[in-house]
Amino acid sequence: QVQLVESGGGLVQPGGSLRLSCAASTSMFAMGWYRQVPGKQRELVARIVLGGNANYADSVKGRFTISGDSAKGSVYLQMNSLKPEDTAVYYCNGRPLGAAGDIWGQGTQVTVSS
C-alpha cells in the first residue's frame, strides 16, 4: 500500500520555526503540503513537481520553503516567522507516478500560540 508519513508538527510561539517532513513509499510526480482549520476548506500551502518547480500560497510566500525530491518520495516544509493564523493540521499530499489520483498523509498539527 502506498503511504505518506508526516512528522515535525508541534507547538511554537509566534515568530518561531518548524520543519515538516514527509516520506512516501513510492516515487511521486508531485508532492505538496495542504492545511486545514475547523470550518474551512483544505487549502494548498506549497507543492513541487518533478524538475523542482515549486509554488506557494500567497499567505506563506517568503516565510515557507518547500524542498525535497518527489522522485524519491520525500518532501519538506521549512516554516519560518510563524503566525497564529498558520495554526492548522498540515497534510502531505502526493501524486504517484502514472496515477490519476492523489494520496494523503494522516496530518500533523501545527499550533502557533504564545
C-alpha atoms as a PDB file:
ATOM      1  CA  GLN A   1       0.000   0.000   0.000  1.00  0.00           C
ATOM      2  CA  VAL A   2       1.297   3.456  -0.908  1.00  0.00           C
ATOM      3  CA  GLN A   3       1.591   5.629   2.177  1.00  0.00           C
ATOM      4  CA  LEU A   4       2.686   9.103   3.182  1.00  0.00           C
ATOM      5  CA  VAL A   5       4.063   9.642   6.669  1.00  0.00           C
ATOM      6  CA  GLU A   6       4.375  13.148   8.112  1.00  0.00           C
ATOM      7  CA  SER A   7       6.293  14.428  11.091  1.00  0.00           C
ATOM      8  CA  GLY A   8       7.518  17.678  12.592  1.00  0.00           C
ATOM      9  CA  GLY A   9       4.387  19.381  13.820  1.00  0.00           C
ATOM     10  CA  GLY A  10       4.073  20.864  17.256  1.00  0.00           C
ATOM     11  CA  LEU A  11       3.504  23.941  19.358  1.00  0.00           C
ATOM     12  CA  VAL A  12       5.556  27.031  18.600  1.00  0.00           C
ATOM     13  CA  GLN A  13       5.422  30.680  19.593  1.00  0.00           C
ATOM     14  CA  PRO A  14       4.702  33.395  17.038  1.00  0.00           C
ATOM     15  CA  GLY A  15       7.840  34.158  15.075  1.00  0.00           C
ATOM     16  CA  GLY A  16       9.195  30.681  15.602  1.00  0.00           C
ATOM     17  CA  SER A  17      10.021  27.946  13.130  1.00  0.00           C
ATOM     18  CA  LEU A  18       9.117  24.356  12.403  1.00  0.00           C
ATOM     19  CA  ARG A  19      10.210  21.899   9.758  1.00  0.00           C
ATOM     20  CA  LEU A  20       7.738  19.343   8.480  1.00  0.00           C
ATOM     21  CA  SER A  21       8.866  16.134   6.816  1.00  0.00           C
ATOM     22  CA  CYS A  22       7.022  13.680   4.625  1.00  0.00           C
ATOM     23  CA  ALA A  23       8.175  10.330   3.309  1.00  0.00           C
ATOM     24  CA  ALA A  24       6.356   8.366   0.638  1.00  0.00           C
ATOM     25  CA  SER A  25       6.683   4.687  -0.090  1.00  0.00           C
ATOM     26  CA  THR A  26       6.923   5.252  -3.843  1.00  0.00           C
ATOM     27  CA  SER A  27       8.093   7.812  -6.362  1.00  0.00           C
ATOM     28  CA  MET A  28       5.820  10.769  -6.900  1.00  0.00           C
ATOM     29  CA  PHE A  29       5.198  13.068  -9.834  1.00  0.00           C
ATOM     30  CA  ALA A  30       4.270  15.854  -7.458  1.00  0.00           C
ATOM     31  CA  MET A  31       4.181  16.385  -3.726  1.00  0.00           C
ATOM     32  CA  GLY A  32       2.866  19.154  -1.587  1.00  0.00           C
ATOM     33  CA  TRP A  33       1.555  20.413   1.691  1.00  0.00           C
ATOM     34  CA  TYR A  34      -2.002  21.419   2.470  1.00  0.00           C
ATOM     35  CA  ARG A  35      -3.555  22.690   5.660  1.00  0.00           C
ATOM     36  CA  GLN A  36      -6.998  22.760   7.172  1.00  0.00           C
ATOM     37  CA  VAL A  37      -8.642  24.510  10.106  1.00  0.00           C
ATOM     38  CA  PRO A  38     -12.071  23.729  11.559  1.00  0.00           C
ATOM     39  CA  GLY A  39     -14.902  25.031   9.418  1.00  0.00           C
ATOM     40  CA  LYS A  40     -12.725  25.769   6.417  1.00  0.00           C
ATOM     41  CA  GLN A  41     -11.756  24.012   3.228  1.00  0.00           C
ATOM     42  CA  ARG A  42      -8.398  22.316   2.987  1.00  0.00           C
ATOM     43  CA  GLU A  43      -6.040  24.680   1.180  1.00  0.00           C
ATOM     44  CA  LEU A  44      -2.791  24.377  -0.708  1.00  0.00           C
ATOM     45  CA  VAL A  45       0.289  25.637   1.115  1.00  0.00           C
ATOM     46  CA  ALA A  46       3.068  24.609  -1.275  1.00  0.00           C
ATOM     47  CA  ARG A  47       3.841  21.967  -3.857  1.00  0.00           C
ATOM     48  CA  ILE A  48       6.692  20.711  -6.012  1.00  0.00           C
ATOM     49  CA  VAL A  49       6.804  18.633  -9.178  1.00  0.00           C
ATOM     50  CA  LEU A  50       9.490  16.615 -10.929  1.00  0.00           C
ATOM     51  CA  GLY A  51      12.138  19.080 -12.017  1.00  0.00           C
ATOM     52  CA  GLY A  52      11.908  21.078  -8.830  1.00  0.00           C
ATOM     53  CA  ASN A  53       9.370  23.733  -9.756  1.00  0.00           C
ATOM     54  CA  ALA A  54       7.538  24.989  -6.700  1.00  0.00           C
ATOM     55  CA  ASN A  55       4.561  27.162  -5.987  1.00  0.00           C
ATOM     56  CA  TYR A  56       3.205  28.650  -2.780  1.00  0.00           C
ATOM     57  CA  ALA A  57       0.086  30.136  -1.362  1.00  0.00           C
ATOM     58  CA  ASP A  58       0.339  33.908  -1.200  1.00  0.00           C
ATOM     59  CA  SER A  59      -0.083  33.810   2.561  1.00  0.00           C
ATOM     60  CA  VAL A  60       3.162  31.875   3.077  1.00  0.00           C
ATOM     61  CA  LYS A  61       5.424  33.301   0.372  1.00  0.00           C
ATOM     62  CA  GLY A  62       8.695  34.495   1.825  1.00  0.00           C
ATOM     63  CA  ARG A  63       8.169  32.552   5.035  1.00  0.00           C
ATOM     64  CA  PHE A  64       7.804  28.905   3.991  1.00  0.00           C
ATOM     65  CA  THR A  65      10.119  26.900   1.764  1.00  0.00           C
ATOM     66  CA  ILE A  66       9.304  23.539   0.235  1.00  0.00           C
ATOM     67  CA  SER A  67      12.152  21.225  -0.698  1.00  0.00           C
ATOM     68  CA  GLY A  68      12.897  17.605  -1.373  1.00  0.00           C
ATOM     69  CA  ASP A  69      12.774  15.145  -4.204  1.00  0.00           C
ATOM     70  CA  SER A  70       9.387  13.884  -5.274  1.00  0.00           C
ATOM     71  CA  ALA A  71      11.022  11.162  -7.363  1.00  0.00           C
ATOM     72  CA  LYS A  72      12.347   9.740  -4.095  1.00  0.00           C
ATOM     73  CA  GLY A  73       9.078  10.361  -2.329  1.00  0.00           C
ATOM     74  CA  SER A  74      10.459  12.902   0.127  1.00  0.00           C
ATOM     75  CA  VAL A  75       9.362  16.452   0.767  1.00  0.00           C
ATOM     76  CA  TYR A  76       9.952  19.015   3.497  1.00  0.00           C
ATOM     77  CA  LEU A  77       8.378  22.264   4.518  1.00  0.00           C
ATOM     78  CA  GLN A  78      10.507  24.781   6.381  1.00  0.00           C
ATOM     79  CA  MET A  79       8.193  27.205   8.132  1.00  0.00           C
ATOM     80  CA  ASN A  80       9.692  30.420   9.469  1.00  0.00           C
ATOM     81  CA  SER A  81       8.178  33.535  11.003  1.00  0.00           C
ATOM     82  CA  LEU A  82       5.137  31.552  12.017  1.00  0.00           C
ATOM     83  CA  LYS A  83       1.929  33.397  12.763  1.00  0.00           C
ATOM     84  CA  PRO A  84      -1.123  32.354  14.783  1.00  0.00           C
ATOM     85  CA  GLU A  85      -3.098  32.169  11.545  1.00  0.00           C
ATOM     86  CA  ASP A  86      -0.765  29.392  10.399  1.00  0.00           C
ATOM     87  CA  THR A  87      -2.317  27.141  13.031  1.00  0.00           C
ATOM     88  CA  ALA A  88      -3.829  24.145  11.259  1.00  0.00           C
ATOM     89  CA  VAL A  89      -3.492  20.474  10.586  1.00  0.00           C
ATOM     90  CA  TYR A  90      -0.917  20.111   7.838  1.00  0.00           C
ATOM     91  CA  TYR A  91      -1.289  17.267   5.371  1.00  0.00           C
ATOM     92  CA  CYS A  92       1.278  15.850   3.000  1.00  0.00           C
ATOM     93  CA  ASN A  93      -0.050  15.120  -0.467  1.00  0.00           C
ATOM     94  CA  GLY A  94       1.429  13.161  -3.338  1.00  0.00           C
ATOM     95  CA  ARG A  95       0.605  12.096  -6.860  1.00  0.00           C
ATOM     96  CA  PRO A  96       2.257   8.740  -7.612  1.00  0.00           C
ATOM     97  CA  LEU A  97       3.949   8.415 -10.967  1.00  0.00           C
ATOM     98  CA  GLY A  98       1.470   7.137 -13.506  1.00  0.00           C
ATOM     99  CA  ALA A  99      -1.513   7.635 -11.217  1.00  0.00           C
ATOM    100  CA  ALA A 100      -4.562   9.791 -11.789  1.00  0.00           C
ATOM    101  CA  GLY A 101      -5.320  10.409  -8.131  1.00  0.00           C
ATOM    102  CA  ASP A 102      -3.550  11.671  -5.031  1.00  0.00           C
ATOM    103  CA  ILE A 103      -2.744  10.093  -1.709  1.00  0.00           C
ATOM    104  CA  TRP A 104      -2.697  11.840   1.642  1.00  0.00           C
ATOM    105  CA  GLY A 105      -0.875  11.588   4.914  1.00  0.00           C
ATOM    106  CA  GLN A 106      -2.660  11.453   8.239  1.00  0.00           C
ATOM    107  CA  GLY A 107      -1.873  15.069   9.084  1.00  0.00           C
ATOM    108  CA  THR A 108       0.304  16.743  11.680  1.00  0.00           C
ATOM    109  CA  GLN A 109      -0.874  19.512  13.986  1.00  0.00           C
ATOM    110  CA  VAL A 110       0.872  22.872  13.900  1.00  0.00           C
ATOM    111  CA  THR A 111      -0.146  25.297  16.630  1.00  0.00           C
ATOM    112  CA  VAL A 112       1.264  28.817  16.764  1.00  0.00           C
ATOM    113  CA  SER A 113       0.428  30.467  20.054  1.00  0.00           C
ATOM    114  CA  SER A 114       2.003  32.447  22.850  1.00  0.00           C
END
